[in-house]
Amino acid sequence: MNIITTIKSPSTKSIINHHYKPIIIKNLNFTNNKIITKPPIIISTNPNKIDINSLSQLYVSCNHSPRRFASAADVDAGKLSVAVAHSAAVVAVFAEVGVGVEERESGMWGVKWRRMSPEKGELVGFGRAVSDLGLTASIYDVMVIPTLRRLGIGTMIVQRIVRMLTNRGVYDISALCSDNERSFFAACGFGDDLLGSTTMTYAGSVSSNCDNDRRITRDSQTLLLAHPLRLPSS
């Protein structure tokens, strides 16, 4: 069984004050003896720039929450839209459209920078946080398409979320992750809960009148571990 863990974040007071920023990345990553370069990307923190259908497909492409979203048809676009709208922080990464897997793997993204916008880009990464906007926040759903992983895009997503939250004075930040993702969040500066406090997700079944008495079962893979309050540094 995969254990989902929340782990503490570092504190920072830096902030990006605009909704999206074009970034050109030149680093190289060697995977399976292939040179993979990061494409020109735009990072947007505006939830209105996110197409819910594209986000639904991203969940499936990244195999994120497979028990809930085994296929695109399993994603409730209405509920996903509500979740995005009510998130305290949303970060979406868009890359240049029209680039196939072979071109990505070969690193042939083109030499010249072309003007991009979220509307013209392909959604390749995503992350969000929920918060009471006073004391605590939790990071959820950090994902990057498989062909662009291990290039630092996920790290940028987490860093941007942390900056947005700390700019609002929220320093008690946790991350929801699986066992396989723990090393990634550790590299982002997260660590285990020092107090050992634990929150368990309800795993029983419920009936909902608004869903025509349909039995609803929560993802049994989910376990949450809380972390101590993170105060701003003086």
C-alpha atoms as a PDB file:
ATOM      1  CA  MET A   1       0.000   0.000   0.000  1.00  0.00           C
ATOM      2  CA  ASN A   2       1.338   3.428  -0.914  1.00  0.00           C
ATOM      3  CA  ILE A   3       1.560   5.802   2.034  1.00  0.00           C
ATOM      4  CA  ILE A   4       0.668   9.409   1.386  1.00  0.00           C
ATOM      5  CA  THR A   5       2.675  11.703   3.639  1.00  0.00           C
ATOM      6  CA  THR A   6       2.709  15.390   4.396  1.00  0.00           C
ATOM      7  CA  ILE A   7       6.153  16.741   5.119  1.00  0.00           C
ATOM      8  CA  LYS A   8       7.270  20.157   6.246  1.00  0.00           C
ATOM      9  CA  SER A   9       8.567  22.860   3.955  1.00  0.00           C
ATOM     10  CA  PRO A  10      11.330  25.419   4.220  1.00  0.00           C
ATOM     11  CA  SER A  11      10.340  29.026   4.785  1.00  0.00           C
ATOM     12  CA  THR A  12      11.010  31.791   2.298  1.00  0.00           C
ATOM     13  CA  LYS A  13       9.923  35.389   1.903  1.00  0.00           C
ATOM     14  CA  SER A  14      10.530  35.751  -1.829  1.00  0.00           C
ATOM     15  CA  ILE A  15       7.531  36.160  -4.121  1.00  0.00           C
ATOM     16  CA  ILE A  16       6.688  36.471  -7.778  1.00  0.00           C
ATOM     17  CA  ASN A  17       4.135  39.266  -8.169  1.00  0.00           C
ATOM     18  CA  HIS A  18       2.869  38.454 -11.644  1.00  0.00           C
ATOM     19  CA  HIS A  19       0.634  35.710 -12.928  1.00  0.00           C
ATOM     20  CA  TYR A  20       3.002  34.152 -15.443  1.00  0.00           C
ATOM     21  CA  LYS A  21       6.567  34.494 -16.548  1.00  0.00           C
ATOM     22  CA  PRO A  22       8.275  33.089 -19.661  1.00  0.00           C
ATOM     23  CA  ILE A  23      11.359  31.070 -18.829  1.00  0.00           C
ATOM     24  CA  ILE A  24      14.048  29.698 -21.129  1.00  0.00           C
ATOM     25  CA  ILE A  25      15.937  26.789 -19.603  1.00  0.00           C
ATOM     26  CA  LYS A  26      19.220  25.517 -21.005  1.00  0.00           C
ATOM     27  CA  ASN A  27      20.091  22.662 -18.666  1.00  0.00           C
ATOM     28  CA  LEU A  28      20.511  19.170 -20.058  1.00  0.00           C
ATOM     29  CA  ASN A  29      19.421  15.877 -18.558  1.00  0.00           C
ATOM     30  CA  PHE A  30      20.707  12.481 -19.678  1.00  0.00           C
ATOM     31  CA  THR A  31      18.027   9.769 -19.565  1.00  0.00           C
ATOM     32  CA  ASN A  32      18.512   6.365 -21.186  1.00  0.00           C
ATOM     33  CA  ASN A  33      21.541   7.722 -23.069  1.00  0.00           C
ATOM     34  CA  LYS A  34      19.433  10.499 -24.601  1.00  0.00           C
ATOM     35  CA  ILE A  35      19.991  14.211 -24.137  1.00  0.00           C
ATOM     36  CA  ILE A  36      16.765  15.886 -23.065  1.00  0.00           C
ATOM     37  CA  THR A  37      16.568  19.672 -22.872  1.00  0.00           C
ATOM     38  CA  LYS A  38      13.865  21.663 -21.184  1.00  0.00           C
ATOM     39  CA  PRO A  39      11.586  23.448 -23.638  1.00  0.00           C
ATOM     40  CA  PRO A  40      10.633  27.114 -23.460  1.00  0.00           C
ATOM     41  CA  ILE A  41       7.922  27.237 -20.818  1.00  0.00           C
ATOM     42  CA  ILE A  42       5.546  29.629 -19.107  1.00  0.00           C
ATOM     43  CA  ILE A  43       4.610  29.302 -15.452  1.00  0.00           C
ATOM     44  CA  SER A  44       1.153  30.667 -14.668  1.00  0.00           C
ATOM     45  CA  THR A  45      -0.412  31.204 -11.255  1.00  0.00           C
ATOM     46  CA  ASN A  46      -3.731  32.330 -12.703  1.00  0.00           C
ATOM     47  CA  PRO A  47      -6.381  29.578 -12.370  1.00  0.00           C
ATOM     48  CA  ASN A  48      -8.381  31.195 -15.169  1.00  0.00           C
ATOM     49  CA  LYS A  49      -5.618  30.212 -17.597  1.00  0.00           C
ATOM     50  CA  ILE A  50      -6.164  26.503 -16.943  1.00  0.00           C
ATOM     51  CA  ASP A  51      -8.375  24.523 -19.293  1.00  0.00           C
ATOM     52  CA  ILE A  52     -10.111  21.913 -17.159  1.00  0.00           C
ATOM     53  CA  ASN A  53     -10.244  19.355 -19.973  1.00  0.00           C
ATOM     54  CA  SER A  54      -6.483  19.672 -20.453  1.00  0.00           C
ATOM     55  CA  LEU A  55      -5.972  19.352 -16.709  1.00  0.00           C
ATOM     56  CA  SER A  56      -8.165  16.248 -16.634  1.00  0.00           C
ATOM     57  CA  GLN A  57      -6.026  14.678 -19.330  1.00  0.00           C
ATOM     58  CA  LEU A  58      -2.872  15.639 -17.437  1.00  0.00           C
ATOM     59  CA  TYR A  59      -4.074  13.672 -14.400  1.00  0.00           C
ATOM     60  CA  VAL A  60      -4.483  10.619 -16.622  1.00  0.00           C
ATOM     61  CA  SER A  61      -1.225  11.105 -18.552  1.00  0.00           C
ATOM     62  CA  CYS A  62       0.703  11.385 -15.282  1.00  0.00           C
ATOM     63  CA  ASN A  63      -1.179   8.424 -13.769  1.00  0.00           C
ATOM     64  CA  HIS A  64      -1.984  10.678 -10.831  1.00  0.00           C
ATOM     65  CA  SER A  65      -4.596   9.207  -8.457  1.00  0.00           C
ATOM     66  CA  PRO A  66      -5.167   6.208 -10.776  1.00  0.00           C
ATOM     67  CA  ARG A  67      -7.748   4.688  -8.429  1.00  0.00           C
ATOM     68  CA  ARG A  68      -9.866   7.801  -8.847  1.00  0.00           C
ATOM     69  CA  PHE A  69      -8.973   8.734 -12.414  1.00  0.00           C
ATOM     70  CA  ALA A  70      -8.280   5.564 -14.385  1.00  0.00           C
ATOM     71  CA  SER A  71      -9.224   7.371 -17.596  1.00  0.00           C
ATOM     72  CA  ALA A  72     -10.168  10.867 -18.698  1.00  0.00           C
ATOM     73  CA  ALA A  73     -13.817   9.834 -18.519  1.00  0.00           C
ATOM     74  CA  ASP A  74     -13.424   9.203 -14.779  1.00  0.00           C
ATOM     75  CA  VAL A  75     -12.430  12.798 -14.058  1.00  0.00           C
ATOM     76  CA  ASP A  76     -15.372  14.894 -12.901  1.00  0.00           C
ATOM     77  CA  ALA A  77     -14.606  18.150 -14.703  1.00  0.00           C
ATOM     78  CA  GLY A  78     -17.128  20.051 -12.612  1.00  0.00           C
ATOM     79  CA  LYS A  79     -15.594  19.022  -9.291  1.00  0.00           C
ATOM     80  CA  LEU A  80     -12.074  19.507 -10.615  1.00  0.00           C
ATOM     81  CA  SER A  81     -13.016  23.023 -11.701  1.00  0.00           C
ATOM     82  CA  VAL A  82     -14.364  23.773  -8.223  1.00  0.00           C
ATOM     83  CA  ALA A  83     -11.195  22.360  -6.639  1.00  0.00           C
ATOM     84  CA  VAL A  84      -8.978  24.596  -8.769  1.00  0.00           C
ATOM     85  CA  ALA A  85     -11.122  27.671  -8.137  1.00  0.00           C
ATOM     86  CA  HIS A  86     -11.035  27.139  -4.366  1.00  0.00           C
ATOM     87  CA  SER A  87      -7.307  26.360  -4.145  1.00  0.00           C
ATOM     88  CA  ALA A  88      -5.215  28.941  -2.309  1.00  0.00           C
ATOM     89  CA  ALA A  89      -2.390  28.580  -4.819  1.00  0.00           C
ATOM     90  CA  VAL A  90      -2.372  27.130  -8.314  1.00  0.00           C
ATOM     91  CA  VAL A  91       0.682  26.731 -10.538  1.00  0.00           C
ATOM     92  CA  ALA A  92       0.440  25.538 -14.128  1.00  0.00           C
ATOM     93  CA  VAL A  93       3.337  25.002 -16.530  1.00  0.00           C
ATOM     94  CA  PHE A  94       2.827  25.394 -20.255  1.00  0.00           C
ATOM     95  CA  ALA A  95       5.274  24.343 -22.972  1.00  0.00           C
ATOM     96  CA  GLU A  96       5.316  25.036 -26.658  1.00  0.00           C
ATOM     97  CA  VAL A  97       2.670  23.031 -28.487  1.00  0.00           C
ATOM     98  CA  GLY A  98       3.279  20.881 -31.528  1.00  0.00           C
ATOM     99  CA  VAL A  99       6.403  19.187 -30.215  1.00  0.00           C
ATOM    100  CA  GLY A 100       6.254  15.412 -30.306  1.00  0.00           C
ATOM    101  CA  VAL A 101       7.854  12.898 -27.988  1.00  0.00           C
ATOM    102  CA  GLU A 102      10.730  12.188 -30.377  1.00  0.00           C
ATOM    103  CA  GLU A 103      11.553  15.863 -30.658  1.00  0.00           C
ATOM    104  CA  ARG A 104      11.376  16.241 -26.896  1.00  0.00           C
ATOM    105  CA  GLU A 105      13.723  13.319 -26.323  1.00  0.00           C
ATOM    106  CA  SER A 106      16.172  14.557 -28.937  1.00  0.00           C
ATOM    107  CA  GLY A 107      16.186  18.030 -27.416  1.00  0.00           C
ATOM    108  CA  MET A 108      15.243  19.670 -30.723  1.00  0.00           C
ATOM    109  CA  TRP A 109      13.095  22.480 -29.359  1.00  0.00           C
ATOM    110  CA  GLY A 110      14.317  25.073 -31.823  1.00  0.00           C
ATOM    111  CA  VAL A 111      16.967  27.695 -31.342  1.00  0.00           C
ATOM    112  CA  LYS A 112      14.895  30.875 -31.284  1.00  0.00           C
ATOM    113  CA  TRP A 113      12.576  31.888 -28.454  1.00  0.00           C
ATOM    114  CA  ARG A 114       9.024  32.277 -29.713  1.00  0.00           C
ATOM    115  CA  ARG A 115       6.468  34.385 -27.907  1.00  0.00           C
ATOM    116  CA  MET A 116       4.241  32.156 -25.800  1.00  0.00           C
ATOM    117  CA  SER A 117       1.127  32.449 -23.687  1.00  0.00           C
ATOM    118  CA  PRO A 118      -0.819  29.909 -21.606  1.00  0.00           C
ATOM    119  CA  GLU A 119      -3.503  29.895 -24.291  1.00  0.00           C
ATOM    120  CA  LYS A 120      -0.978  28.821 -26.936  1.00  0.00           C
ATOM    121  CA  GLY A 121       0.950  26.348 -24.803  1.00  0.00           C
ATOM    122  CA  GLU A 122       0.450  22.729 -23.841  1.00  0.00           C
ATOM    123  CA  LEU A 123      -0.255  22.045 -20.165  1.00  0.00           C
ATOM    124  CA  VAL A 124       2.703  19.909 -19.067  1.00  0.00           C
ATOM    125  CA  GLY A 125       2.842  20.469 -15.310  1.00  0.00           C
ATOM    126  CA  PHE A 126       0.580  21.377 -12.425  1.00  0.00           C
ATOM    127  CA  GLY A 127       0.439  21.779  -8.671  1.00  0.00           C
ATOM    128  CA  ARG A 128      -1.873  23.404  -6.146  1.00  0.00           C
ATOM    129  CA  ALA A 129      -2.268  24.110  -2.451  1.00  0.00           C
ATOM    130  CA  VAL A 130      -5.252  24.371  -0.136  1.00  0.00           C
ATOM    131  CA  SER A 131      -5.091  26.614   2.906  1.00  0.00           C
ATOM    132  CA  ASP A 132      -7.051  28.435   5.586  1.00  0.00           C
ATOM    133  CA  LEU A 133      -4.896  31.444   4.568  1.00  0.00           C
ATOM    134  CA  GLY A 134      -4.071  32.059   8.197  1.00  0.00           C
ATOM    135  CA  LEU A 135      -2.085  29.214   9.697  1.00  0.00           C
ATOM    136  CA  THR A 136      -1.612  26.150   7.527  1.00  0.00           C
ATOM    137  CA  ALA A 137      -1.496  24.956   3.929  1.00  0.00           C
ATOM    138  CA  SER A 138      -1.035  21.640   2.125  1.00  0.00           C
ATOM    139  CA  ILE A 139       0.407  21.067  -1.339  1.00  0.00           C
ATOM    140  CA  TYR A 140      -1.441  18.634  -3.597  1.00  0.00           C
ATOM    141  CA  ASP A 141      -1.361  17.180  -7.094  1.00  0.00           C
ATOM    142  CA  VAL A 142       2.186  18.085  -8.163  1.00  0.00           C
ATOM    143  CA  MET A 143       2.694  16.421 -11.529  1.00  0.00           C
ATOM    144  CA  VAL A 144       4.695  16.730 -14.758  1.00  0.00           C
ATOM    145  CA  ILE A 145       4.168  14.789 -17.974  1.00  0.00           C
ATOM    146  CA  PRO A 146       6.496  11.753 -18.185  1.00  0.00           C
ATOM    147  CA  THR A 147       8.561  13.040 -21.132  1.00  0.00           C
ATOM    148  CA  LEU A 148       9.560  16.181 -19.224  1.00  0.00           C
ATOM    149  CA  ARG A 149      10.302  14.719 -15.810  1.00  0.00           C
ATOM    150  CA  ARG A 150      13.676  14.984 -14.046  1.00  0.00           C
ATOM    151  CA  LEU A 151      14.272  18.369 -15.638  1.00  0.00           C
ATOM    152  CA  GLY A 152      13.489  20.549 -12.636  1.00  0.00           C
ATOM    153  CA  ILE A 153       9.972  21.543 -13.666  1.00  0.00           C
ATOM    154  CA  GLY A 154       8.362  19.898 -10.644  1.00  0.00           C
ATOM    155  CA  THR A 155      10.814  21.677  -8.357  1.00  0.00           C
ATOM    156  CA  MET A 156       9.859  25.014  -9.887  1.00  0.00           C
ATOM    157  CA  ILE A 157       6.190  24.244  -9.282  1.00  0.00           C
ATOM    158  CA  VAL A 158       6.774  23.500  -5.598  1.00  0.00           C
ATOM    159  CA  GLN A 159       9.017  26.524  -5.113  1.00  0.00           C
ATOM    160  CA  ARG A 160       6.449  28.838  -6.673  1.00  0.00           C
ATOM    161  CA  ILE A 161       3.662  27.459  -4.471  1.00  0.00           C
ATOM    162  CA  VAL A 162       5.782  27.929  -1.344  1.00  0.00           C
ATOM    163  CA  ARG A 163       6.564  31.515  -2.331  1.00  0.00           C
ATOM    164  CA  MET A 164       2.902  32.313  -2.904  1.00  0.00           C
ATOM    165  CA  LEU A 165       1.913  30.907   0.483  1.00  0.00           C
ATOM    166  CA  THR A 166       4.678  32.532   2.508  1.00  0.00           C
ATOM    167  CA  ASN A 167       3.923  35.866   0.852  1.00  0.00           C
ATOM    168  CA  ARG A 168       0.497  35.552   2.489  1.00  0.00           C
ATOM    169  CA  GLY A 169       2.074  34.836   5.852  1.00  0.00           C
ATOM    170  CA  VAL A 170       1.425  31.082   5.790  1.00  0.00           C
ATOM    171  CA  TYR A 171       4.524  29.190   6.953  1.00  0.00           C
ATOM    172  CA  ASP A 172       3.084  25.876   8.167  1.00  0.00           C
ATOM    173  CA  ILE A 173       3.198  24.144   4.786  1.00  0.00           C
ATOM    174  CA  SER A 174       2.910  20.408   4.200  1.00  0.00           C
ATOM    175  CA  ALA A 175       3.037  18.320   1.040  1.00  0.00           C
ATOM    176  CA  LEU A 176       0.851  15.380   0.053  1.00  0.00           C
ATOM    177  CA  CYS A 177       3.021  12.722  -1.542  1.00  0.00           C
ATOM    178  CA  SER A 178       3.417   9.004  -2.084  1.00  0.00           C
ATOM    179  CA  ASP A 179       6.394   6.916  -0.998  1.00  0.00           C
ATOM    180  CA  ASN A 180       7.832   7.266  -4.491  1.00  0.00           C
ATOM    181  CA  GLU A 181       7.594  11.057  -4.277  1.00  0.00           C
ATOM    182  CA  ARG A 182       9.214  11.480  -0.857  1.00  0.00           C
ATOM    183  CA  SER A 183      12.722  11.872  -2.269  1.00  0.00           C
ATOM    184  CA  PHE A 184      11.502  14.574  -4.646  1.00  0.00           C
ATOM    185  CA  PHE A 185       9.932  16.620  -1.853  1.00  0.00           C
ATOM    186  CA  ALA A 186      12.977  16.031   0.338  1.00  0.00           C
ATOM    187  CA  ALA A 187      15.095  17.559  -2.428  1.00  0.00           C
ATOM    188  CA  CYS A 188      12.722  20.541  -2.359  1.00  0.00           C
ATOM    189  CA  GLY A 189      13.542  21.084   1.316  1.00  0.00           C
ATOM    190  CA  PHE A 190      10.698  19.190   2.966  1.00  0.00           C
ATOM    191  CA  GLY A 191      11.194  16.864   5.911  1.00  0.00           C
ATOM    192  CA  ASP A 192       9.371  14.600   8.339  1.00  0.00           C
ATOM    193  CA  ASP A 193       7.027  15.903  11.018  1.00  0.00           C
ATOM    194  CA  LEU A 194       9.063  16.480  14.178  1.00  0.00           C
ATOM    195  CA  LEU A 195       6.054  16.018  16.466  1.00  0.00           C
ATOM    196  CA  GLY A 196       4.888  12.835  14.784  1.00  0.00           C
ATOM    197  CA  SER A 197       1.312  14.120  14.573  1.00  0.00           C
ATOM    198  CA  THR A 198      -0.933  12.150  12.248  1.00  0.00           C
ATOM    199  CA  THR A 199      -4.169  12.712  10.347  1.00  0.00           C
ATOM    200  CA  MET A 200      -5.910   9.722   8.791  1.00  0.00           C
ATOM    201  CA  THR A 201      -8.165   9.991   5.769  1.00  0.00           C
ATOM    202  CA  TYR A 202     -11.666   8.595   6.130  1.00  0.00           C
ATOM    203  CA  ALA A 203     -11.653   5.262   4.278  1.00  0.00           C
ATOM    204  CA  GLY A 204     -15.245   4.127   4.789  1.00  0.00           C
ATOM    205  CA  SER A 205     -18.151   4.412   2.372  1.00  0.00           C
ATOM    206  CA  VAL A 206     -20.855   7.069   2.545  1.00  0.00           C
ATOM    207  CA  SER A 207     -24.173   7.763   0.869  1.00  0.00           C
ATOM    208  CA  SER A 208     -24.794  11.129  -0.723  1.00  0.00           C
ATOM    209  CA  ASN A 209     -28.287  12.372  -1.478  1.00  0.00           C
ATOM    210  CA  CYS A 210     -26.904  14.851  -3.974  1.00  0.00           C
ATOM    211  CA  ASP A 211     -25.395  11.927  -5.871  1.00  0.00           C
ATOM    212  CA  ASN A 212     -28.653   9.964  -5.958  1.00  0.00           C
ATOM    213  CA  ASP A 213     -27.656   7.856  -2.943  1.00  0.00           C
ATOM    214  CA  ARG A 214     -24.622   6.554  -4.802  1.00  0.00           C
ATOM    215  CA  ARG A 215     -22.089   4.875  -2.520  1.00  0.00           C
ATOM    216  CA  ILE A 216     -18.840   6.806  -2.517  1.00  0.00           C
ATOM    217  CA  THR A 217     -15.553   5.218  -1.496  1.00  0.00           C
ATOM    218  CA  ARG A 218     -12.480   7.337  -0.854  1.00  0.00           C
ATOM    219  CA  ASP A 219      -9.057   6.403  -2.194  1.00  0.00           C
ATOM    220  CA  SER A 220      -7.776   3.743   0.205  1.00  0.00           C
ATOM    221  CA  GLN A 221      -4.167   4.649  -0.626  1.00  0.00           C
ATOM    222  CA  THR A 222      -4.409   7.971   1.148  1.00  0.00           C
ATOM    223  CA  LEU A 223      -2.772   8.653   4.512  1.00  0.00           C
ATOM    224  CA  LEU A 224      -1.929  12.102   5.796  1.00  0.00           C
ATOM    225  CA  LEU A 225       0.792  12.988   8.295  1.00  0.00           C
ATOM    226  CA  ALA A 226       0.749  16.524   9.666  1.00  0.00           C
ATOM    227  CA  HIS A 227       3.749  18.617  10.619  1.00  0.00           C
ATOM    228  CA  PRO A 228       4.414  21.292  13.296  1.00  0.00           C
ATOM    229  CA  LEU A 229       3.648  24.952  12.835  1.00  0.00           C
ATOM    230  CA  ARG A 230       6.286  26.757  10.823  1.00  0.00           C
ATOM    231  CA  LEU A 231       6.766  30.315  12.078  1.00  0.00           C
ATOM    232  CA  PRO A 232       8.277  33.087   9.945  1.00  0.00           C
ATOM    233  CA  SER A 233      11.902  33.812  10.647  1.00  0.00           C
ATOM    234  CA  SER A 234      12.650  37.151  12.239  1.00  0.00           C
END
